[in-house]
Amino acid sequence: MPAAPVFLTAEWRNLLMANYAVDPKLLLPYLPCRTELDTYDGTCYASLVGFLFDQTRVRGIAIPGHRRFEEVNLRFYVRFREDDEWKRGVVFLREIVPRRAICWVANGLYRENYVYHPMRHSWKQEADRISVSYEWHVGGDWNYLRANAEAVGEVAAEDSPEAFITEHYWGYTTISDRCTGTYKVEHPRWRVHRVHDYSIRCDVARLYGAAFAEPLAAEPRSVFLADGSPVSVLKGERLYLAKG
């Protein structure tokens, strides 16, 4: 089957990832049809991820005012089996961006869960470390995801927790109870930077619902920084349940 055409190209930079162990029962209501939960050593994870979109082009066209912007998302990990191959991907519970037009396009074309909030970020590069902060304004207050990490990273080892988190190359969305949207994201493997310290403030109940408040109030199993890369998001397709 020929590859799907490219819909979007961009650079994803300085992905700060806080990874939480969660009860599978919490995620099942959000599981698109024909996918199943993907686990690492028997544990389901949800990740709070902040990063920067840069050099963004839609179908090769740079849209003024929409080339560079922050995103913070909450996602979990799934897989879909096709032709004896597992296609490992993510489901986004919510994606926060500071541009309303992005919400309209992504929600309309891909059935994603984008919402608008004012955002800001800061990076500070020093000889031995990099400081990264992503902030989003919710309910009259600034939430944030911040960390200080080692300046030099390395590609995550095969079968490591970091590889599990960063190497899911498909997105899955619920179209209906019998139809799932899917799209491929192409990028090289990322270098991972060890985090020295971090701080997180997030109004989980307001953004994601009360059921997520307790698991995301716990200490993350891991927090790390991935350097990112150029990425290509391919045109979406649909998966259907067989009639019967």
Protein backbone atom coordinates (compact mmCIF):
# COMPACT_ATOMS: atom_id res chain seq x y z
CA MET A 1 0.00 0.00 0.00
CA PRO A 2 1.47 3.42 -0.94
CA ALA A 3 2.31 5.78 1.90
CA ALA A 4 -0.29 8.40 2.80
CA PRO A 5 0.54 11.95 1.67
CA VAL A 6 2.08 14.35 4.16
CA PHE A 7 -0.44 16.67 5.80
CA LEU A 8 1.80 18.63 8.18
CA THR A 9 5.51 19.14 8.71
CA ALA A 10 7.09 20.83 11.71
CA GLU A 11 9.85 20.64 14.25
CA TRP A 12 8.95 19.35 17.70
CA ARG A 13 11.52 20.66 20.17
CA ASN A 14 12.35 20.10 23.85
CA LEU A 15 9.61 17.64 24.76
CA LEU A 16 9.27 17.53 28.55
CA MET A 17 7.51 14.31 29.55
CA ALA A 18 6.06 13.42 32.97
CA ASN A 19 4.90 9.81 32.98
CA TYR A 20 2.31 8.44 35.42
CA ALA A 21 1.18 4.90 36.17
CA VAL A 22 -2.61 4.72 35.83
CA ASP A 23 -5.30 2.11 36.35
CA PRO A 24 -6.30 0.62 32.97
CA LYS A 25 -9.97 0.96 33.95
CA LEU A 26 -9.54 4.74 33.89
CA LEU A 27 -8.48 4.67 30.24
CA LEU A 28 -10.87 2.10 28.80
CA PRO A 29 -13.72 4.61 28.19
CA TYR A 30 -11.36 6.58 25.91
CA LEU A 31 -10.02 3.58 23.96
CA PRO A 32 -10.78 3.82 20.21
CA CYS A 33 -12.29 0.73 18.62
CA ARG A 34 -9.85 -1.87 17.24
CA THR A 35 -7.08 -0.65 19.54
CA GLU A 36 -5.95 -2.04 22.87
CA LEU A 37 -3.97 -0.57 25.73
CA ASP A 38 -0.19 -0.78 25.36
CA THR A 39 1.80 -1.39 28.52
CA TYR A 40 5.40 -1.40 29.70
CA ASP A 41 6.21 -4.23 32.11
CA GLY A 42 2.48 -4.61 32.68
CA THR A 43 1.90 -0.95 33.60
CA CYS A 44 -0.36 1.51 31.76
CA TYR A 45 1.02 5.01 31.47
CA ALA A 46 -0.42 8.45 30.88
CA SER A 47 2.02 11.24 30.05
CA LEU A 48 1.78 15.00 30.51
CA VAL A 49 3.90 16.41 27.69
CA GLY A 50 4.96 19.98 26.94
CA PHE A 51 6.85 20.96 23.80
CA LEU A 52 7.25 23.56 21.06
CA PHE A 53 5.98 23.41 17.49
CA ASP A 54 8.29 25.31 15.14
CA GLN A 55 8.57 25.80 11.36
CA THR A 56 5.03 24.43 10.98
CA ARG A 57 3.63 23.96 7.48
CA VAL A 58 0.25 22.54 6.47
CA ARG A 59 0.41 20.85 3.07
CA GLY A 60 3.63 22.72 2.46
CA ILE A 61 2.17 26.13 3.27
CA ALA A 62 3.42 28.25 6.16
CA ILE A 63 0.46 30.00 7.80
CA PRO A 64 1.35 33.41 9.28
CA GLY A 65 1.09 33.48 13.06
CA HIS A 66 0.85 29.69 13.27
CA ARG A 67 4.38 28.49 12.59
CA ARG A 68 5.67 28.54 16.17
CA PHE A 69 3.58 27.73 19.24
CA GLU A 70 3.50 25.70 22.43
CA GLU A 71 1.50 22.55 23.12
CA VAL A 72 0.80 20.65 26.34
CA ASN A 73 -1.06 17.36 26.08
CA LEU A 74 -2.15 14.43 28.20
CA ARG A 75 -1.89 11.14 26.34
CA PHE A 76 -1.90 7.39 26.85
CA TYR A 77 -0.51 4.48 24.86
CA VAL A 78 -2.28 1.97 22.63
CA ARG A 79 -1.58 -0.46 19.82
CA PHE A 80 -3.40 -1.80 16.77
CA ARG A 81 -2.59 -5.06 15.00
CA GLU A 82 -2.58 -5.08 11.20
CA ASP A 83 -1.03 -7.68 8.88
CA ASP A 84 0.82 -9.38 11.77
CA GLU A 85 2.35 -6.04 12.81
CA TRP A 86 1.65 -4.02 15.95
CA LYS A 87 1.22 -0.34 15.18
CA ARG A 88 1.95 1.37 18.48
CA GLY A 89 0.45 4.78 19.02
CA VAL A 90 -1.06 7.33 21.35
CA VAL A 91 -4.51 8.64 22.22
CA PHE A 92 -4.70 12.27 23.31
CA LEU A 93 -7.11 13.03 26.12
CA ARG A 94 -6.63 16.76 25.64
CA GLU A 95 -4.20 18.99 23.76
CA ILE A 96 -3.73 22.60 24.84
CA VAL A 97 -2.52 25.19 22.32
CA PRO A 98 -2.52 29.02 22.21
CA ARG A 99 -4.15 29.33 18.76
CA ARG A 100 -7.90 28.85 18.25
CA ALA A 101 -7.52 28.11 14.54
CA ILE A 102 -5.37 25.09 15.35
CA CYS A 103 -8.19 23.71 17.47
CA TRP A 104 -10.69 24.13 14.65
CA VAL A 105 -8.49 22.38 12.08
CA ALA A 106 -7.23 19.52 14.25
CA ASN A 107 -10.59 18.79 15.84
CA GLY A 108 -12.39 18.97 12.51
CA LEU A 109 -9.99 16.94 10.39
CA TYR A 110 -8.57 14.48 12.92
CA ARG A 111 -11.26 14.46 15.63
CA GLU A 112 -8.60 15.39 18.17
CA ASN A 113 -9.32 17.03 21.52
CA TYR A 114 -7.63 20.42 21.19
CA VAL A 115 -8.57 23.31 23.45
CA TYR A 116 -7.40 26.91 23.54
CA HIS A 117 -5.60 28.46 26.52
CA PRO A 118 -3.03 31.26 26.65
CA MET A 119 0.46 29.74 26.85
CA ARG A 120 4.10 30.69 27.19
CA HIS A 121 7.43 28.92 27.45
CA SER A 122 11.05 29.55 28.34
CA TRP A 123 14.29 27.71 27.66
CA LYS A 124 17.68 28.45 29.17
CA GLN A 125 20.74 26.63 27.85
CA GLU A 126 23.87 26.51 29.99
CA ALA A 127 27.09 24.56 29.65
CA ASP A 128 25.97 21.62 31.76
CA ARG A 129 22.19 21.87 31.82
CA ILE A 130 19.06 23.08 30.08
CA SER A 131 16.09 24.60 31.89
CA VAL A 132 12.69 24.19 30.23
CA SER A 133 9.30 25.59 31.27
CA TYR A 134 5.86 25.34 29.65
CA GLU A 135 2.93 27.28 31.11
CA TRP A 136 -0.78 27.46 30.33
CA HIS A 137 -3.43 29.75 31.82
CA VAL A 138 -6.43 27.96 33.35
CA GLY A 139 -9.10 29.27 35.70
CA GLY A 140 -7.34 32.55 36.35
CA ASP A 141 -3.99 30.95 37.20
CA TRP A 142 -0.86 29.77 35.43
CA ASN A 143 -0.26 26.01 35.39
CA TYR A 144 3.22 24.78 34.52
CA LEU A 145 5.53 21.90 33.68
CA ARG A 146 9.17 22.74 34.43
CA ALA A 147 12.48 20.92 34.70
CA ASN A 148 16.24 21.25 34.78
CA ALA A 149 17.93 18.58 32.68
CA GLU A 150 21.41 17.58 31.60
CA ALA A 151 22.59 19.53 28.58
CA VAL A 152 23.72 16.41 26.70
CA GLY A 153 21.32 13.58 25.93
CA GLU A 154 21.59 10.17 24.32
CA VAL A 155 19.28 7.93 22.33
CA ALA A 156 17.18 5.79 24.67
CA ALA A 157 18.21 2.16 24.94
CA GLU A 158 16.04 -0.38 23.14
CA ASP A 159 13.20 -1.68 25.33
CA SER A 160 13.83 1.02 27.96
CA PRO A 161 10.97 2.97 29.59
CA GLU A 162 12.12 6.08 27.71
CA ALA A 163 11.98 4.24 24.37
CA PHE A 164 8.48 3.01 25.18
CA ILE A 165 7.26 6.56 25.85
CA THR A 166 8.92 8.22 22.85
CA GLU A 167 8.58 5.55 20.17
CA HIS A 168 4.87 5.38 19.43
CA TYR A 169 4.50 6.48 15.82
CA TRP A 170 0.73 6.49 15.29
CA GLY A 171 -2.13 8.64 16.53
CA TYR A 172 -5.58 7.17 17.14
CA THR A 173 -8.85 9.05 17.63
CA THR A 174 -12.43 7.98 18.23
CA ILE A 175 -14.72 8.81 15.30
CA SER A 176 -17.60 6.64 16.57
CA ASP A 177 -18.02 3.39 18.47
CA ARG A 178 -17.38 1.55 15.18
CA CYS A 179 -14.79 3.82 13.56
CA THR A 180 -11.30 4.98 14.56
CA GLY A 181 -9.22 7.69 12.94
CA THR A 182 -5.53 6.94 12.53
CA TYR A 183 -2.51 8.83 11.22
CA LYS A 184 1.22 8.17 11.16
CA VAL A 185 3.89 10.45 12.60
CA GLU A 186 7.37 10.06 11.14
CA HIS A 187 10.49 11.17 12.98
CA PRO A 188 13.93 9.81 13.90
CA ARG A 189 14.65 8.47 17.37
CA TRP A 190 15.14 11.24 19.90
CA ARG A 191 17.92 11.89 22.36
CA VAL A 192 16.77 11.79 25.97
CA HIS A 193 18.18 14.08 28.68
CA ARG A 194 18.19 13.05 32.34
CA VAL A 195 16.17 15.44 34.53
CA HIS A 196 17.78 16.71 37.76
CA ASP A 197 14.64 18.29 39.21
CA TYR A 198 11.15 19.24 38.10
CA SER A 199 7.95 20.95 39.24
CA ILE A 200 4.39 20.49 38.02
CA ARG A 201 1.27 22.50 38.68
CA CYS A 202 -1.85 21.39 36.83
CA ASP A 203 -5.56 21.87 37.47
CA VAL A 204 -6.23 18.26 36.52
CA ALA A 205 -9.89 18.14 37.53
CA ARG A 206 -10.76 21.21 35.47
CA LEU A 207 -8.85 20.08 32.39
CA TYR A 208 -9.26 16.30 32.37
CA GLY A 209 -12.01 15.45 34.86
CA ALA A 210 -12.11 14.46 38.52
CA ALA A 211 -11.25 10.83 37.78
CA PHE A 212 -7.73 11.83 36.73
CA ALA A 213 -7.04 14.06 39.75
CA GLU A 214 -5.79 11.33 42.09
CA PRO A 215 -3.48 9.42 39.70
CA LEU A 216 -1.93 12.65 38.39
CA ALA A 217 -1.43 13.95 41.94
CA ALA A 218 0.97 11.06 42.57
CA GLU A 219 4.67 11.31 41.83
CA PRO A 220 5.39 10.50 38.18
CA ARG A 221 7.19 7.21 37.55
CA SER A 222 9.63 9.20 35.42
CA VAL A 223 10.28 12.67 34.04
CA PHE A 224 12.69 13.28 31.18
CA LEU A 225 13.43 15.70 28.36
CA ALA A 226 13.59 14.60 24.71
CA ASP A 227 15.34 16.91 22.29
CA GLY A 228 12.87 16.34 19.45
CA SER A 229 13.35 16.61 15.68
CA PRO A 230 11.64 17.48 12.42
CA VAL A 231 8.41 15.48 12.08
CA SER A 232 5.92 14.66 9.35
CA VAL A 233 2.26 13.96 10.11
CA LEU A 234 0.68 11.94 7.32
CA LYS A 235 -2.88 12.29 6.08
CA GLY A 236 -5.36 10.48 8.30
CA GLU A 237 -7.21 7.27 7.49
CA ARG A 238 -10.06 5.35 9.13
CA LEU A 239 -10.43 1.90 10.66
CA TYR A 240 -13.83 0.26 10.87
CA LEU A 241 -15.26 -2.59 12.88
CA ALA A 242 -16.42 -5.46 10.72
CA LYS A 243 -20.17 -5.62 10.29
CA GLY A 244 -21.85 -8.39 12.16
